Amino acid sequence: MKFDSWKTNVFAALIGFIVFFFLSWRVNLLTTSLIRAGLFSLIVFVTAFLFRWMLRKIQAAPEEDDDKTQEESVEQKDRESEEKEENEDSLSEEEIESASRFIKEKLNE
């Protein structure tokens, strides 16, 4: 039995009706027990719809997020590599020499 069908909700509501009815028929009148069990089964039926909807959303969310994060990470890596290339090209000879002198001085200290 698949758990993504309205039949699952009917099954859960029927089980709820039976359990609720047998728990309350000794304490209450027969009509009161039937009415309360019917209301409880209706509540279980609607709750099962909501539960299955939330479960589908939870199961579908990681797939979408993984695809988006993978695409974003690839795009971000591309941007970073382009920025590095631009930064390397934009430095002048003097700036490169002064940076290398500075690094050598720091290493010699």
Protein backbone atom coordinates (compact mmCIF):
# COMPACT_ATOMS: atom_id res chain seq x y z
CA MET A 1 0.00 0.00 0.00
CA LYS A 2 1.43 3.35 -1.01
CA PHE A 3 1.28 6.09 1.57
CA ASP A 4 0.74 8.91 -0.92
CA SER A 5 -2.93 8.30 -1.65
CA TRP A 6 -6.24 9.45 -0.21
CA LYS A 7 -6.84 5.78 0.65
CA THR A 8 -4.20 6.12 3.36
CA ASN A 9 -6.23 8.93 4.91
CA VAL A 10 -9.41 6.86 4.83
CA PHE A 11 -7.58 3.94 6.42
CA ALA A 12 -6.19 6.18 9.19
CA ALA A 13 -9.63 7.72 9.77
CA LEU A 14 -11.25 4.28 9.98
CA ILE A 15 -8.67 3.08 12.51
CA GLY A 16 -9.19 6.30 14.48
CA PHE A 17 -12.95 5.83 14.43
CA ILE A 18 -12.73 2.25 15.68
CA VAL A 19 -10.24 3.04 18.45
CA PHE A 20 -12.09 6.14 19.61
CA PHE A 21 -15.46 4.40 19.52
CA PHE A 22 -14.31 1.38 21.53
CA LEU A 23 -12.61 3.60 24.09
CA SER A 24 -15.70 5.73 24.68
CA TRP A 25 -18.73 3.45 24.20
CA ARG A 26 -18.67 2.10 27.77
CA VAL A 27 -18.58 5.57 29.32
CA ASN A 28 -20.94 7.47 26.99
CA LEU A 29 -24.23 6.78 25.26
CA LEU A 30 -24.06 4.97 21.93
CA THR A 31 -25.06 8.04 19.89
CA THR A 32 -22.57 10.26 21.74
CA SER A 33 -19.80 7.73 21.11
CA LEU A 34 -20.68 7.50 17.41
CA ILE A 35 -20.76 11.29 17.00
CA ARG A 36 -17.45 11.77 18.81
CA ALA A 37 -15.80 8.93 16.92
CA GLY A 38 -17.06 10.39 13.62
CA LEU A 39 -15.66 13.82 14.48
CA PHE A 40 -12.37 12.27 15.53
CA SER A 41 -12.13 10.31 12.29
CA LEU A 42 -12.76 13.52 10.32
CA ILE A 43 -9.98 15.25 12.25
CA VAL A 44 -7.62 12.31 11.60
CA PHE A 45 -8.54 12.33 7.90
CA VAL A 46 -7.67 16.03 7.49
CA THR A 47 -4.57 15.73 9.66
CA ALA A 48 -3.30 12.86 7.51
CA PHE A 49 -3.62 15.08 4.42
CA LEU A 50 -1.59 17.80 6.12
CA PHE A 51 1.00 15.33 7.36
CA ARG A 52 1.47 13.77 3.92
CA TRP A 53 1.73 17.25 2.32
CA MET A 54 4.43 18.29 4.81
CA LEU A 55 6.28 15.02 4.29
CA ARG A 56 6.32 15.54 0.51
CA LYS A 57 7.63 19.09 0.97
CA ILE A 58 10.38 17.92 3.31
CA GLN A 59 11.44 15.13 0.97
CA ALA A 60 11.47 17.44 -2.07
CA ALA A 61 13.36 20.29 -0.39
CA PRO A 62 16.90 18.80 -0.28
CA GLU A 63 16.88 17.97 -3.98
CA GLU A 64 16.05 21.55 -4.93
CA ASP A 65 18.51 23.01 -2.43
CA ASP A 66 21.32 20.70 -3.56
CA ASP A 67 20.82 21.67 -7.20
CA LYS A 68 20.72 25.36 -6.35
CA THR A 69 23.76 25.22 -4.08
CA GLN A 70 25.75 23.25 -6.67
CA GLU A 71 24.88 25.75 -9.38
CA GLU A 72 25.69 28.66 -7.09
CA SER A 73 29.02 27.15 -6.04
CA VAL A 74 30.03 26.58 -9.68
CA GLU A 75 29.07 30.16 -10.55
CA GLN A 76 30.93 31.48 -7.51
CA LYS A 77 34.09 29.52 -8.44
CA ASP A 78 33.89 30.91 -11.97
CA ARG A 79 33.56 34.45 -10.63
CA GLU A 80 36.47 33.96 -8.24
CA SER A 81 38.75 32.64 -10.99
CA GLU A 82 37.80 35.57 -13.23
CA GLU A 83 38.48 38.04 -10.42
CA LYS A 84 41.90 36.46 -9.79
CA GLU A 85 42.79 36.76 -13.45
CA GLU A 86 41.66 40.39 -13.50
CA ASN A 87 43.63 41.16 -10.34
CA GLU A 88 46.78 39.58 -11.76
CA ASP A 89 46.44 41.57 -14.96
CA SER A 90 45.73 44.87 -13.21
CA LEU A 91 48.97 44.96 -11.14
CA SER A 92 51.77 47.02 -12.60
CA GLU A 93 55.42 46.00 -12.69
CA GLU A 94 56.27 48.46 -9.90
CA GLU A 95 53.56 47.10 -7.62
CA ILE A 96 54.74 43.55 -8.18
CA GLU A 97 58.36 44.50 -7.42
CA SER A 98 57.43 46.44 -4.27
CA ALA A 99 55.28 43.54 -3.05
CA SER A 100 58.06 41.02 -3.63
CA ARG A 101 60.58 43.29 -1.81
CA PHE A 102 58.17 43.60 1.11
CA ILE A 103 57.72 39.83 1.30
CA LYS A 104 61.49 39.25 1.15
CA GLU A 105 62.04 41.74 3.98
CA LYS A 106 59.42 40.03 6.11
CA LEU A 107 60.96 36.61 5.45
CA ASN A 108 64.45 37.84 6.39
CA GLU A 109 63.32 39.28 9.74
